[in-house]
Amino acid sequence: MSERTFARRFLAEVGTTPHQWLVRQRVLAARELLEQSDLAVEQVAARVGFASAVVLRDHFRRQVGVAPSTYRSRFAAVG
């Protein structure tokens, strides 16, 4: 199957592009790590597959509406 055919079929089935789906999954994983660990944002970014903390921060703000550090301060289970 070609990359383009895969992308079209993925969009038809899932309702989003493969890239957008992947970014969303990475942000969800980052949210869990921010809530449940004391890892630095840079470490969280690396663990979930973002190239850098800057990239994580950009996608995180777009999807969640706040910076990762703000999110952690509001929702962290780690005290």
N, C-alpha and C. Protein backbone atom coordinates (compact mmCIF):
# COMPACT_ATOMS: atom_id res chain seq x y z
N MET A 1 0.85 -1.17 0.00
CA MET A 1 0.00 0.00 0.00
C MET A 1 0.90 1.23 0.00
N SER A 2 0.58 2.19 -0.80
CA SER A 2 1.38 3.42 -0.85
C SER A 2 1.12 4.28 0.39
N GLU A 3 2.05 5.15 0.64
CA GLU A 3 1.91 6.05 1.78
C GLU A 3 0.66 6.92 1.64
N ARG A 4 0.41 7.40 0.45
CA ARG A 4 -0.75 8.25 0.20
C ARG A 4 -2.06 7.49 0.40
N THR A 5 -2.11 6.24 -0.09
CA THR A 5 -3.31 5.42 0.10
C THR A 5 -3.54 5.15 1.58
N PHE A 6 -2.47 4.83 2.28
CA PHE A 6 -2.59 4.62 3.73
C PHE A 6 -3.15 5.87 4.41
N ALA A 7 -2.60 7.03 4.08
CA ALA A 7 -3.05 8.28 4.70
C ALA A 7 -4.53 8.53 4.42
N ARG A 8 -4.96 8.29 3.20
CA ARG A 8 -6.38 8.48 2.86
C ARG A 8 -7.27 7.52 3.63
N ARG A 9 -6.87 6.26 3.68
CA ARG A 9 -7.67 5.26 4.41
C ARG A 9 -7.68 5.53 5.91
N PHE A 10 -6.54 5.94 6.44
CA PHE A 10 -6.45 6.28 7.86
C PHE A 10 -7.40 7.43 8.18
N LEU A 11 -7.35 8.47 7.36
CA LEU A 11 -8.23 9.63 7.55
C LEU A 11 -9.69 9.22 7.49
N ALA A 12 -10.04 8.37 6.55
CA ALA A 12 -11.42 7.93 6.41
C ALA A 12 -11.89 7.12 7.62
N GLU A 13 -11.02 6.30 8.17
CA GLU A 13 -11.40 5.46 9.30
C GLU A 13 -11.33 6.17 10.65
N VAL A 14 -10.28 6.95 10.84
CA VAL A 14 -10.01 7.53 12.16
C VAL A 14 -10.50 8.98 12.26
N GLY A 15 -10.57 9.66 11.13
CA GLY A 15 -11.06 11.03 11.15
C GLY A 15 -9.97 12.08 11.30
N THR A 16 -8.74 11.66 11.25
CA THR A 16 -7.61 12.58 11.36
C THR A 16 -6.44 12.00 10.58
N THR A 17 -5.43 12.80 10.33
CA THR A 17 -4.26 12.30 9.61
C THR A 17 -3.40 11.46 10.55
N PRO A 18 -2.57 10.58 9.98
CA PRO A 18 -1.67 9.81 10.84
C PRO A 18 -0.78 10.69 11.71
N HIS A 19 -0.27 11.78 11.14
CA HIS A 19 0.60 12.68 11.91
C HIS A 19 -0.15 13.32 13.07
N GLN A 20 -1.35 13.82 12.81
CA GLN A 20 -2.13 14.45 13.88
C GLN A 20 -2.48 13.44 14.96
N TRP A 21 -2.80 12.21 14.56
CA TRP A 21 -3.11 11.17 15.54
C TRP A 21 -1.90 10.88 16.42
N LEU A 22 -0.74 10.76 15.78
CA LEU A 22 0.49 10.48 16.52
C LEU A 22 0.83 11.59 17.50
N VAL A 23 0.72 12.82 17.07
CA VAL A 23 0.99 13.95 17.96
C VAL A 23 0.03 13.93 19.14
N ARG A 24 -1.24 13.66 18.88
CA ARG A 24 -2.24 13.61 19.95
C ARG A 24 -1.89 12.51 20.96
N GLN A 25 -1.47 11.35 20.48
CA GLN A 25 -1.09 10.26 21.37
C GLN A 25 0.13 10.63 22.21
N ARG A 26 1.08 11.31 21.60
CA ARG A 26 2.27 11.74 22.33
C ARG A 26 1.91 12.76 23.41
N VAL A 27 1.02 13.67 23.11
CA VAL A 27 0.59 14.66 24.11
C VAL A 27 -0.16 13.97 25.24
N LEU A 28 -0.99 13.00 24.92
CA LEU A 28 -1.69 12.24 25.98
C LEU A 28 -0.70 11.52 26.89
N ALA A 29 0.31 10.91 26.29
CA ALA A 29 1.34 10.24 27.09
C ALA A 29 2.11 11.24 27.94
N ALA A 30 2.38 12.42 27.37
CA ALA A 30 3.08 13.46 28.12
C ALA A 30 2.24 13.93 29.31
N ARG A 31 0.94 14.06 29.12
CA ARG A 31 0.07 14.46 30.22
C ARG A 31 0.17 13.47 31.37
N GLU A 32 0.14 12.18 31.04
CA GLU A 32 0.25 11.16 32.08
C GLU A 32 1.57 11.27 32.82
N LEU A 33 2.66 11.43 32.09
CA LEU A 33 3.97 11.54 32.74
C LEU A 33 4.06 12.81 33.59
N LEU A 34 3.50 13.89 33.12
CA LEU A 34 3.53 15.14 33.90
C LEU A 34 2.72 14.99 35.18
N GLU A 35 1.63 14.24 35.12
CA GLU A 35 0.80 14.03 36.31
C GLU A 35 1.42 13.05 37.30
N GLN A 36 2.09 12.04 36.78
CA GLN A 36 2.49 10.92 37.62
C GLN A 36 3.98 10.79 37.90
N SER A 37 4.78 11.71 37.39
CA SER A 37 6.22 11.61 37.63
C SER A 37 6.79 12.99 37.92
N ASP A 38 8.04 12.99 38.31
CA ASP A 38 8.72 14.27 38.51
C ASP A 38 9.81 14.47 37.47
N LEU A 39 9.68 13.79 36.33
CA LEU A 39 10.64 13.96 35.23
C LEU A 39 10.62 15.40 34.73
N ALA A 40 11.77 15.88 34.32
CA ALA A 40 11.84 17.21 33.71
C ALA A 40 11.10 17.20 32.37
N VAL A 41 10.63 18.35 31.95
CA VAL A 41 9.90 18.45 30.69
C VAL A 41 10.75 17.91 29.53
N GLU A 42 12.04 18.14 29.57
CA GLU A 42 12.93 17.63 28.53
C GLU A 42 12.90 16.10 28.50
N GLN A 43 12.89 15.49 29.67
CA GLN A 43 12.84 14.03 29.76
C GLN A 43 11.49 13.50 29.29
N VAL A 44 10.43 14.19 29.65
CA VAL A 44 9.10 13.80 29.20
C VAL A 44 9.04 13.85 27.67
N ALA A 45 9.55 14.91 27.09
CA ALA A 45 9.55 15.05 25.63
C ALA A 45 10.26 13.88 24.98
N ALA A 46 11.42 13.52 25.49
CA ALA A 46 12.19 12.42 24.93
C ALA A 46 11.45 11.09 25.09
N ARG A 47 10.84 10.87 26.23
CA ARG A 47 10.15 9.60 26.49
C ARG A 47 8.95 9.38 25.59
N VAL A 48 8.26 10.47 25.23
CA VAL A 48 7.05 10.32 24.41
C VAL A 48 7.33 10.47 22.92
N GLY A 49 8.58 10.76 22.55
CA GLY A 49 8.94 10.76 21.15
C GLY A 49 9.05 12.10 20.46
N PHE A 50 9.01 13.19 21.21
CA PHE A 50 9.21 14.50 20.61
C PHE A 50 10.71 14.77 20.51
N ALA A 51 11.11 15.51 19.50
CA ALA A 51 12.52 15.79 19.25
C ALA A 51 13.14 16.66 20.34
N SER A 52 12.33 17.50 20.98
CA SER A 52 12.84 18.39 22.02
C SER A 52 11.71 18.87 22.90
N ALA A 53 12.07 19.50 24.00
CA ALA A 53 11.07 20.07 24.90
C ALA A 53 10.33 21.22 24.22
N VAL A 54 11.02 21.93 23.34
CA VAL A 54 10.38 23.04 22.61
C VAL A 54 9.22 22.52 21.76
N VAL A 55 9.45 21.41 21.08
CA VAL A 55 8.41 20.81 20.24
C VAL A 55 7.25 20.33 21.11
N LEU A 56 7.56 19.69 22.23
CA LEU A 56 6.52 19.25 23.15
C LEU A 56 5.70 20.45 23.63
N ARG A 57 6.37 21.50 24.06
CA ARG A 57 5.66 22.68 24.58
C ARG A 57 4.72 23.26 23.53
N ASP A 58 5.16 23.33 22.29
CA ASP A 58 4.33 23.88 21.22
C ASP A 58 3.07 23.04 21.02
N HIS A 59 3.23 21.75 20.85
CA HIS A 59 2.08 20.87 20.63
C HIS A 59 1.19 20.81 21.88
N PHE A 60 1.81 20.79 23.04
CA PHE A 60 1.05 20.71 24.29
C PHE A 60 0.16 21.94 24.45
N ARG A 61 0.72 23.12 24.22
CA ARG A 61 -0.08 24.35 24.33
C ARG A 61 -1.24 24.36 23.34
N ARG A 62 -0.98 23.91 22.12
CA ARG A 62 -2.05 23.89 21.11
C ARG A 62 -3.19 22.97 21.51
N GLN A 63 -2.86 21.80 22.06
CA GLN A 63 -3.90 20.83 22.38
C GLN A 63 -4.53 21.01 23.75
N VAL A 64 -3.73 21.37 24.73
CA VAL A 64 -4.22 21.43 26.11
C VAL A 64 -4.57 22.86 26.53
N GLY A 65 -3.89 23.83 25.93
CA GLY A 65 -4.20 25.22 26.25
C GLY A 65 -3.29 25.87 27.27
N VAL A 66 -2.41 25.09 27.86
CA VAL A 66 -1.45 25.62 28.83
C VAL A 66 -0.09 24.96 28.59
N ALA A 67 0.94 25.55 29.15
CA ALA A 67 2.29 24.98 29.06
C ALA A 67 2.38 23.72 29.91
N PRO A 68 3.28 22.80 29.56
CA PRO A 68 3.43 21.58 30.36
C PRO A 68 3.71 21.85 31.84
N SER A 69 4.53 22.84 32.15
CA SER A 69 4.83 23.13 33.55
C SER A 69 3.58 23.62 34.30
N THR A 70 2.75 24.41 33.65
CA THR A 70 1.50 24.87 34.26
C THR A 70 0.57 23.70 34.47
N TYR A 71 0.47 22.84 33.48
CA TYR A 71 -0.36 21.64 33.59
C TYR A 71 0.08 20.80 34.79
N ARG A 72 1.39 20.59 34.91
CA ARG A 72 1.91 19.78 36.02
C ARG A 72 1.55 20.41 37.36
N SER A 73 1.70 21.71 37.48
CA SER A 73 1.41 22.35 38.77
C SER A 73 -0.06 22.22 39.15
N ARG A 74 -0.93 22.12 38.16
CA ARG A 74 -2.36 21.99 38.43
C ARG A 74 -2.80 20.56 38.69
N PHE A 75 -2.17 19.59 38.01
CA PHE A 75 -2.70 18.24 38.01
C PHE A 75 -1.75 17.16 38.53
N ALA A 76 -0.58 17.51 38.95
CA ALA A 76 0.39 16.49 39.38
C ALA A 76 -0.08 15.75 40.63
N ALA A 77 0.07 14.44 40.58
CA ALA A 77 -0.23 13.61 41.75
C ALA A 77 0.99 13.51 42.63
N VAL A 78 2.15 13.79 42.05
CA VAL A 78 3.41 13.76 42.80
C VAL A 78 3.54 15.05 43.58
N GLY A 79 3.81 14.95 44.83
CA GLY A 79 3.85 16.16 45.63
C GLY A 79 5.17 16.52 46.02
